[in-house]
Amino acid sequence: MRRKAVPLAAAVAMLSVLAACGDSDDDGDGDGKNSASPAAEAGGATDLSKECPETIVVQTAWWPDITSAGAMYQLLGDDMDVDAGAKKVTAPLVASGGKDTGVKLELRSGGPAIGFNPTSSQMYTDDSIHLGIPQGFDEAIQNSDKQPTLAVMSLLAKNPQVIMWDPKKHPDVETIEDIGRTDTTVVYVPTPYMDYLTSKGILKKDQVDSSGDGSPARFVAAGGDIATSGYATEDPYIYEEELPDWGKPVASQLAYEYYPNPGPSPVIRPADKGELAPCLKKLVPVVQQGAVDLMENPDPVIDKVIELRDAFKADQPFSKGVGKYSVEQMQALDLVADPGKPVGEFDTGRVQELIDLAGPVFEAQKKPIKDGLTPEDLVTNEFIDTSITLGGE
């Protein structure tokens, strides 16, 4: 989930078309059915054919990865239709156990694939999009007045954004607040959480540098003298295992511990809720279970991500090691769901806290949020199946 120009992304994934064709006589021009997947019971909980659009279109925020929207990638069947030019993939939407739901899923890459247009903005310029996955939950707060969105579940309870530092160069630093007590420069990709940290004096305004591009180059060139923004689910592994010029551990702390921003969340245009509600009632539990299945068996989805990034010629590499590390950290840091809580369920108290923290930041930037904004304007738990947790259904 490393970014060059925006703080968080999301993306899509696929299995190799050649592998799919090797298992099927389907010529790929398709009737929407995955020949390798049994059909869901007609009218059952995972049969979406009556309630949902024939193809559910999802706009993501970045290249394919595991952290941002792995549960969505989990739902892609094997019979892939990959459009490398448009950076999108369409496939039968399969539920847990490989059951064909009777509809297709189209996942569109975002970020550089759409000129860095924010997901919410893209949704308001292209009404063929049913669901979007913004780069960060606070995007919904920022755009609540002019381009409102309603999150129907959370793919991550906690955003994995971190600030990282070299523990040998900074042996007395254990937290972001400790960095603020030093003169260490913090290089970051522009993001609201940093504006919050400086507004509260947790970091000093004269020690932060917003010219970061998501690359480790400046950190390495500085020999670890500086701190840098990153993602807990990818960057520590990349720095230690995949950067020959660094090749050692970094320390980090989640920005979430100061700024409780949930991770990526599928959103709809509020005006579409009435039309999409019957579909969402069935679709959201399927995605919830997809998140559980991803944690239990991530390898197939990791392979999809690698295949798709190659097909799309993504400008940032993604290895099997990064994918495995992502899942390990999602589990270790309880990023997917709070222990014992339903996957995808929002804590509305935490959402209100974020409104209270982020609202003044956007006001100071002359980007006023909706007057009287409440958690109910931003999120709903009505489609959540509360029996689905990381401990199983």
Protein backbone atom coordinates (compact mmCIF):
# COMPACT_ATOMS: atom_id res chain seq x y z
CA MET A 1 0.00 0.00 0.00
CA ARG A 2 2.93 2.36 -0.58
CA ARG A 3 1.95 5.69 -2.07
CA LYS A 4 3.72 8.27 -4.21
CA ALA A 5 1.16 11.05 -4.06
CA VAL A 6 -1.74 10.14 -1.79
CA PRO A 7 -1.83 8.64 1.72
CA LEU A 8 -3.84 5.56 1.27
CA ALA A 9 -5.06 3.42 -1.43
CA ALA A 10 -6.93 0.66 -2.44
CA ALA A 11 -6.81 -1.59 -5.38
CA VAL A 12 -8.00 -4.80 -7.05
CA ALA A 13 -6.76 -8.34 -7.70
CA MET A 14 -7.10 -11.30 -10.04
CA LEU A 15 -5.96 -14.83 -10.83
CA SER A 16 -4.05 -15.44 -14.04
CA VAL A 17 -6.28 -15.63 -17.10
CA LEU A 18 -4.12 -18.41 -18.43
CA ALA A 19 -4.55 -20.43 -15.24
CA ALA A 20 -8.31 -19.89 -15.40
CA CYS A 21 -8.43 -20.95 -19.01
CA GLY A 22 -6.41 -24.05 -18.20
CA ASP A 23 -9.18 -25.19 -15.90
CA SER A 24 -12.09 -24.35 -18.19
CA ASP A 25 -13.35 -24.63 -21.73
CA ASP A 26 -14.94 -21.18 -21.41
CA ASP A 27 -13.69 -18.92 -24.18
CA GLY A 28 -13.71 -15.89 -21.86
CA ASP A 29 -16.43 -13.90 -23.60
CA GLY A 30 -18.56 -15.27 -20.91
CA ASP A 31 -22.08 -15.53 -19.70
CA GLY A 32 -21.05 -14.30 -16.26
CA LYS A 33 -20.72 -17.80 -14.79
CA ASN A 34 -17.52 -19.20 -13.39
CA SER A 35 -17.37 -22.78 -14.68
CA ALA A 36 -15.05 -23.76 -11.81
CA SER A 37 -17.48 -22.54 -9.14
CA PRO A 38 -20.74 -24.15 -8.02
CA ALA A 39 -23.76 -21.88 -8.15
CA ALA A 40 -25.18 -20.53 -4.91
CA GLU A 41 -28.54 -21.95 -3.88
CA ALA A 42 -31.24 -20.07 -5.77
CA GLY A 43 -32.72 -17.44 -3.48
CA GLY A 44 -30.20 -18.28 -0.74
CA ALA A 45 -28.06 -15.87 1.25
CA THR A 46 -25.27 -15.86 -1.32
CA ASP A 47 -27.45 -15.72 -4.44
CA LEU A 48 -27.20 -12.05 -5.44
CA SER A 49 -28.74 -12.41 -8.90
CA LYS A 50 -32.17 -11.00 -8.02
CA GLU A 51 -31.16 -8.16 -5.71
CA CYS A 52 -27.90 -6.84 -7.20
CA PRO A 53 -26.86 -5.31 -10.51
CA GLU A 54 -25.63 -7.80 -13.09
CA THR A 55 -22.13 -6.35 -12.59
CA ILE A 56 -21.24 -4.65 -9.30
CA VAL A 57 -18.75 -1.89 -10.10
CA VAL A 58 -16.25 -0.88 -7.39
CA GLN A 59 -13.83 2.03 -7.72
CA THR A 60 -10.73 1.58 -5.58
CA ALA A 61 -8.10 4.16 -4.69
CA TRP A 62 -4.82 2.58 -5.77
CA TRP A 63 -3.03 -0.36 -7.35
CA PRO A 64 -3.90 -3.85 -6.11
CA ASP A 65 -2.71 -4.73 -2.63
CA ILE A 66 -3.70 -6.92 0.28
CA THR A 67 -4.31 -4.41 3.05
CA SER A 68 -6.65 -1.87 1.51
CA ALA A 69 -9.33 -4.09 0.05
CA GLY A 70 -8.17 -7.68 0.19
CA ALA A 71 -11.68 -8.84 1.09
CA MET A 72 -12.90 -7.52 -2.26
CA TYR A 73 -10.13 -9.31 -4.12
CA GLN A 74 -11.10 -12.49 -2.27
CA LEU A 75 -14.44 -12.38 -4.10
CA LEU A 76 -12.98 -12.48 -7.62
CA GLY A 77 -13.58 -15.78 -9.39
CA ASP A 78 -11.09 -17.47 -11.69
CA ASP A 79 -12.68 -16.58 -15.04
CA MET A 80 -11.03 -13.18 -15.38
CA ASP A 81 -11.60 -10.51 -17.98
CA VAL A 82 -8.63 -8.16 -17.58
CA ASP A 83 -8.59 -4.76 -19.25
CA ALA A 84 -4.95 -3.71 -18.87
CA GLY A 85 -5.55 -0.40 -20.64
CA ALA A 86 -8.37 0.66 -18.32
CA LYS A 87 -6.64 -0.93 -15.28
CA LYS A 88 -9.70 -2.93 -14.31
CA VAL A 89 -10.76 -6.55 -13.94
CA THR A 90 -14.19 -8.18 -14.16
CA ALA A 91 -14.96 -11.68 -12.91
CA PRO A 92 -17.74 -13.76 -11.42
CA LEU A 93 -18.32 -12.71 -7.82
CA VAL A 94 -17.78 -15.80 -5.69
CA ALA A 95 -18.73 -16.17 -2.03
CA SER A 96 -17.01 -18.25 0.63
CA GLY A 97 -16.38 -21.77 -0.57
CA GLY A 98 -16.18 -20.62 -4.18
CA LYS A 99 -19.95 -20.31 -4.67
CA ASP A 100 -20.92 -18.33 -7.76
CA THR A 101 -23.32 -15.60 -6.61
CA GLY A 102 -24.83 -15.12 -10.06
CA VAL A 103 -23.37 -11.63 -10.60
CA LYS A 104 -20.05 -10.21 -11.69
CA LEU A 105 -17.64 -7.98 -9.80
CA GLU A 106 -15.71 -5.23 -11.58
CA LEU A 107 -12.80 -3.73 -9.65
CA ARG A 108 -11.25 -0.56 -11.02
CA SER A 109 -7.79 0.66 -10.01
CA GLY A 110 -7.47 4.19 -8.71
CA GLY A 111 -4.73 6.66 -7.82
CA PRO A 112 -2.35 6.91 -10.80
CA ALA A 113 -4.76 4.83 -12.91
CA ILE A 114 -7.30 7.69 -12.85
CA GLY A 115 -4.99 10.69 -12.60
CA PHE A 116 -5.08 10.69 -8.77
CA ASN A 117 -8.72 11.74 -8.75
CA PRO A 118 -10.12 10.95 -5.27
CA THR A 119 -12.52 8.04 -5.15
CA SER A 120 -15.44 10.14 -3.94
CA SER A 121 -14.93 12.63 -6.77
CA GLN A 122 -14.77 9.78 -9.29
CA MET A 123 -18.08 8.47 -7.98
CA TYR A 124 -19.73 11.81 -8.67
CA THR A 125 -18.43 11.97 -12.23
CA ASP A 126 -19.23 8.36 -13.17
CA ASP A 127 -22.63 7.08 -12.10
CA SER A 128 -21.84 3.55 -13.28
CA ILE A 129 -19.86 3.10 -10.04
CA HIS A 130 -21.91 1.40 -7.32
CA LEU A 131 -19.32 1.33 -4.53
CA GLY A 132 -16.13 3.26 -3.94
CA ILE A 133 -13.24 2.63 -1.57
CA PRO A 134 -11.67 6.00 -0.66
CA GLN A 135 -8.01 6.33 0.23
CA GLY A 136 -8.90 7.12 3.83
CA PHE A 137 -12.04 7.42 5.92
CA ASP A 138 -11.37 11.09 6.61
CA GLU A 139 -11.89 11.72 2.88
CA ALA A 140 -15.60 11.18 3.59
CA ILE A 141 -15.48 13.83 6.32
CA GLN A 142 -13.58 16.26 4.11
CA ASN A 143 -16.06 15.88 1.23
CA SER A 144 -19.20 15.56 3.34
CA ASP A 145 -20.65 18.89 2.21
CA LYS A 146 -20.23 18.73 -1.58
CA GLN A 147 -19.69 15.02 -2.36
CA PRO A 148 -21.21 13.03 0.51
CA THR A 149 -20.70 9.29 0.82
CA LEU A 150 -22.09 6.66 3.16
CA ALA A 151 -19.88 3.77 4.29
CA VAL A 152 -21.71 0.44 4.42
CA MET A 153 -18.93 -1.45 6.25
CA SER A 154 -15.30 -1.03 7.21
CA LEU A 155 -12.62 -3.17 5.58
CA LEU A 156 -10.15 -2.13 8.30
CA ALA A 157 -11.06 -0.95 11.78
CA LYS A 158 -7.72 0.88 12.00
CA ASN A 159 -5.79 2.73 9.32
CA PRO A 160 -2.25 1.27 9.00
CA GLN A 161 -0.53 4.65 8.47
CA VAL A 162 2.63 4.98 10.58
CA ILE A 163 5.62 7.18 11.16
CA MET A 164 8.89 5.23 11.04
CA TRP A 165 12.38 5.89 12.37
CA ASP A 166 15.74 4.17 12.81
CA PRO A 167 15.82 2.79 16.37
CA LYS A 168 19.65 2.84 16.42
CA LYS A 169 19.90 6.48 15.38
CA HIS A 170 17.06 7.43 17.73
CA PRO A 171 17.37 5.08 20.73
CA ASP A 172 15.28 7.30 23.01
CA VAL A 173 12.31 7.50 20.61
CA GLU A 174 9.48 5.07 21.25
CA THR A 175 6.47 7.08 20.06
CA ILE A 176 5.51 9.78 17.59
CA GLU A 177 5.22 12.13 20.55
CA ASP A 178 8.86 11.39 21.39
CA ILE A 179 9.84 12.45 17.86
CA GLY A 180 8.09 15.76 18.50
CA ARG A 181 10.42 16.38 21.45
CA THR A 182 13.40 16.26 19.09
CA ASP A 183 14.44 18.27 16.04
CA THR A 184 14.22 15.22 13.76
CA THR A 185 12.76 16.03 10.36
CA VAL A 186 9.65 14.01 9.50
CA VAL A 187 9.14 13.57 5.75
CA TYR A 188 5.60 12.59 4.77
CA VAL A 189 3.10 12.30 1.96
CA PRO A 190 0.44 15.02 2.51
CA THR A 191 -2.31 13.60 4.70
CA PRO A 192 -4.82 14.99 7.23
CA TYR A 193 -3.39 13.07 10.18
CA MET A 194 -0.16 15.04 9.94
CA ASP A 195 -2.08 18.32 9.94
CA TYR A 196 -3.78 17.14 13.10
CA LEU A 197 -0.51 16.14 14.79
CA THR A 198 1.04 19.56 14.09
CA SER A 199 -2.10 21.47 15.07
CA LYS A 200 -1.96 19.83 18.50
CA GLY A 201 1.78 20.29 18.93
CA ILE A 202 2.46 16.55 18.95
CA LEU A 203 4.90 17.29 16.13
CA LYS A 204 6.31 20.75 15.49
CA LYS A 205 5.30 22.51 12.28
CA ASP A 206 8.90 23.43 11.55
CA GLN A 207 10.08 19.81 11.74
CA VAL A 208 7.69 18.28 9.19
CA ASP A 209 8.31 18.18 5.45
CA SER A 210 5.37 17.44 3.15
CA SER A 211 7.48 16.76 0.06
CA GLY A 212 7.53 12.99 0.61
CA ASP A 213 6.57 10.76 -2.31
CA GLY A 214 6.22 7.40 -0.57
CA SER A 215 9.66 6.28 -1.68
CA PRO A 216 12.30 5.14 0.85
CA ALA A 217 15.06 6.95 -1.08
CA ARG A 218 15.32 10.03 1.15
CA PHE A 219 15.26 8.00 4.35
CA VAL A 220 18.05 5.76 3.05
CA ALA A 221 20.08 8.69 1.69
CA ALA A 222 19.85 10.40 5.08
CA GLY A 223 21.15 7.30 6.80
CA GLY A 224 18.09 7.14 9.03
CA ASP A 225 18.64 10.62 10.48
CA ILE A 226 15.10 11.57 9.45
CA ALA A 227 11.72 9.96 10.17
CA THR A 228 9.25 9.15 7.43
CA SER A 229 5.61 8.22 6.89
CA GLY A 230 4.66 4.76 5.72
CA TYR A 231 2.37 1.78 6.23
CA ALA A 232 2.65 -0.75 9.03
CA THR A 233 1.57 -3.55 6.73
CA GLU A 234 4.29 -3.14 4.11
CA ASP A 235 7.11 -0.69 4.74
CA PRO A 236 8.92 -2.26 7.72
CA TYR A 237 9.26 -5.48 5.71
CA ILE A 238 10.36 -3.68 2.55
CA TYR A 239 12.99 -1.63 4.38
CA GLU A 240 14.49 -4.64 6.13
CA GLU A 241 14.11 -7.35 3.50
CA GLU A 242 13.92 -5.69 0.07
CA LEU A 243 16.16 -2.61 0.29
CA PRO A 244 19.79 -3.70 -0.06
CA ASP A 245 20.95 -0.16 0.76
CA TRP A 246 19.18 -0.32 4.12
CA GLY A 247 18.50 -3.92 5.12
CA LYS A 248 17.78 -3.44 8.81
CA PRO A 249 14.75 -2.93 11.07
CA VAL A 250 12.85 0.32 11.48
CA ALA A 251 10.66 1.24 14.43
CA SER A 252 7.19 2.73 13.96
CA GLN A 253 3.96 3.78 15.61
CA LEU A 254 0.44 3.90 14.18
CA ALA A 255 -0.90 7.40 13.62
CA TYR A 256 -4.23 5.84 14.62
CA GLU A 257 -3.16 6.00 18.25
CA TYR A 258 -3.51 9.78 18.04
CA TYR A 259 -5.96 10.16 15.16
CA PRO A 260 -8.51 7.29 15.15
CA ASN A 261 -9.02 7.07 11.40
CA PRO A 262 -10.64 3.79 10.28
CA GLY A 263 -9.16 2.10 7.28
CA PRO A 264 -10.66 1.82 3.79
CA SER A 265 -14.44 1.53 3.76
CA PRO A 266 -16.77 0.71 0.85
CA VAL A 267 -19.05 3.70 0.34
CA ILE A 268 -22.12 4.55 -1.73
CA ARG A 269 -23.69 7.82 -2.76
CA PRO A 270 -26.36 8.40 -0.08
CA ALA A 271 -28.97 9.06 -2.76
CA ASP A 272 -28.46 5.48 -4.02
CA LYS A 273 -29.15 3.81 -0.71
CA GLY A 274 -32.80 3.02 -1.36
CA GLU A 275 -32.05 1.36 -4.67
CA LEU A 276 -29.00 -0.57 -3.46
CA ALA A 277 -30.27 -1.62 -0.01
CA PRO A 278 -31.65 -5.05 -1.07
CA CYS A 279 -28.30 -5.82 -2.72
CA LEU A 280 -26.24 -4.54 0.20
CA LYS A 281 -28.22 -6.66 2.65
CA LYS A 282 -26.78 -9.73 0.91
CA LEU A 283 -23.51 -8.36 -0.43
CA VAL A 284 -22.06 -6.91 2.79
CA PRO A 285 -22.08 -10.25 4.69
CA VAL A 286 -20.40 -11.87 1.67
CA VAL A 287 -17.64 -9.25 1.88
CA GLN A 288 -17.40 -9.69 5.66
CA GLN A 289 -16.82 -13.41 5.21
CA GLY A 290 -14.34 -12.64 2.46
CA ALA A 291 -12.29 -10.69 5.00
CA VAL A 292 -12.30 -13.73 7.31
CA ASP A 293 -11.33 -16.08 4.48
CA LEU A 294 -8.48 -13.78 3.46
CA MET A 295 -6.95 -13.94 6.93
CA GLU A 296 -7.23 -17.72 6.97
CA ASN A 297 -5.82 -18.39 3.49
CA PRO A 298 -4.19 -15.31 1.91
CA ASP A 299 -1.93 -17.00 -0.66
CA PRO A 300 -4.43 -17.10 -3.56
CA VAL A 301 -5.23 -13.41 -3.17
CA ILE A 302 -1.56 -12.50 -2.89
CA ASP A 303 -1.03 -14.27 -6.20
CA LYS A 304 -3.92 -12.32 -7.71
CA VAL A 305 -2.42 -9.01 -6.58
CA ILE A 306 0.97 -9.84 -8.09
CA GLU A 307 -0.64 -11.01 -11.36
CA LEU A 308 -2.75 -7.88 -11.65
CA ARG A 309 0.04 -5.45 -10.85
CA ASP A 310 2.11 -7.06 -13.55
CA ALA A 311 -0.75 -6.84 -16.04
CA PHE A 312 -1.37 -3.18 -15.19
CA LYS A 313 2.36 -2.35 -15.22
CA ALA A 314 2.04 -0.77 -11.78
CA ASP A 315 4.92 1.55 -10.95
CA GLN A 316 5.44 -0.01 -7.51
CA PRO A 317 6.47 -3.66 -7.07
CA PHE A 318 4.61 -6.04 -4.80
CA SER A 319 6.19 -9.31 -3.69
CA LYS A 320 4.88 -12.47 -2.09
CA GLY A 321 6.87 -11.54 1.02
CA VAL A 322 5.14 -8.17 1.28
CA GLY A 323 1.76 -9.85 0.90
CA LYS A 324 2.43 -12.36 3.65
CA TYR A 325 3.80 -9.66 5.94
CA SER A 326 0.68 -7.56 5.29
CA VAL A 327 -1.59 -10.32 6.57
CA GLU A 328 0.64 -10.99 9.57
CA GLN A 329 0.50 -7.33 10.59
CA MET A 330 -3.22 -7.05 9.97
CA GLN A 331 -3.62 -9.87 12.48
CA ALA A 332 -0.98 -8.72 14.97
CA LEU A 333 -2.25 -5.12 15.11
CA ASP A 334 -5.97 -6.04 15.05
CA LEU A 335 -6.39 -3.88 11.95
CA VAL A 336 -9.33 -5.78 10.44
CA ALA A 337 -11.59 -5.72 13.49
CA ASP A 338 -11.40 -5.09 17.19
CA PRO A 339 -11.09 -8.37 19.12
CA GLY A 340 -14.47 -10.04 19.52
CA LYS A 341 -16.26 -7.46 17.37
CA PRO A 342 -18.03 -8.18 14.08
CA VAL A 343 -15.90 -7.74 10.99
CA GLY A 344 -16.88 -4.53 9.21
CA GLU A 345 -18.86 -2.97 12.06
CA PHE A 346 -18.29 0.72 12.79
CA ASP A 347 -17.77 2.10 16.28
CA THR A 348 -19.89 5.24 15.93
CA GLY A 349 -18.32 6.75 19.03
CA ARG A 350 -14.94 6.51 17.36
CA VAL A 351 -16.38 8.04 14.17
CA GLN A 352 -17.68 10.97 16.21
CA GLU A 353 -14.25 11.39 17.77
CA LEU A 354 -12.69 11.57 14.32
CA ILE A 355 -15.26 14.16 13.20
CA ASP A 356 -14.34 16.26 16.25
CA LEU A 357 -10.62 15.96 15.50
CA ALA A 358 -10.64 16.28 11.72
CA GLY A 359 -13.34 18.93 11.37
CA PRO A 360 -11.18 21.80 12.68
CA VAL A 361 -8.27 20.67 10.49
CA PHE A 362 -10.40 20.93 7.35
CA GLU A 363 -11.93 24.20 8.51
CA ALA A 364 -8.43 25.66 8.89
CA GLN A 365 -7.70 24.57 5.31
CA LYS A 366 -10.86 26.37 4.16
CA LYS A 367 -12.48 23.03 3.30
CA PRO A 368 -15.54 23.21 5.55
CA ILE A 369 -17.37 19.99 6.28
CA LYS A 370 -21.14 19.56 6.36
CA ASP A 371 -22.82 21.59 9.09
CA GLY A 372 -23.86 19.39 12.00
CA LEU A 373 -22.13 16.32 10.57
CA THR A 374 -22.91 13.16 12.57
CA PRO A 375 -21.69 9.55 12.39
CA GLU A 376 -25.05 8.58 10.89
CA ASP A 377 -24.28 10.84 7.92
CA LEU A 378 -21.08 8.89 7.25
CA VAL A 379 -21.64 5.25 8.23
CA THR A 380 -24.31 2.61 8.67
CA ASN A 381 -24.16 -0.79 10.37
CA GLU A 382 -27.58 -1.90 9.16
CA PHE A 383 -26.21 -4.37 6.61
CA ILE A 384 -23.66 -5.98 8.96
CA ASP A 385 -24.04 -9.63 9.95
CA THR A 386 -22.96 -9.43 13.59
CA SER A 387 -22.25 -13.18 13.73
CA ILE A 388 -19.23 -12.84 11.42
CA THR A 389 -16.01 -12.31 13.38
CA LEU A 390 -12.41 -13.29 12.87
CA GLY A 391 -13.15 -16.25 15.12
CA GLY A 392 -15.56 -17.53 12.45
CA GLU A 393 -19.23 -17.24 11.69
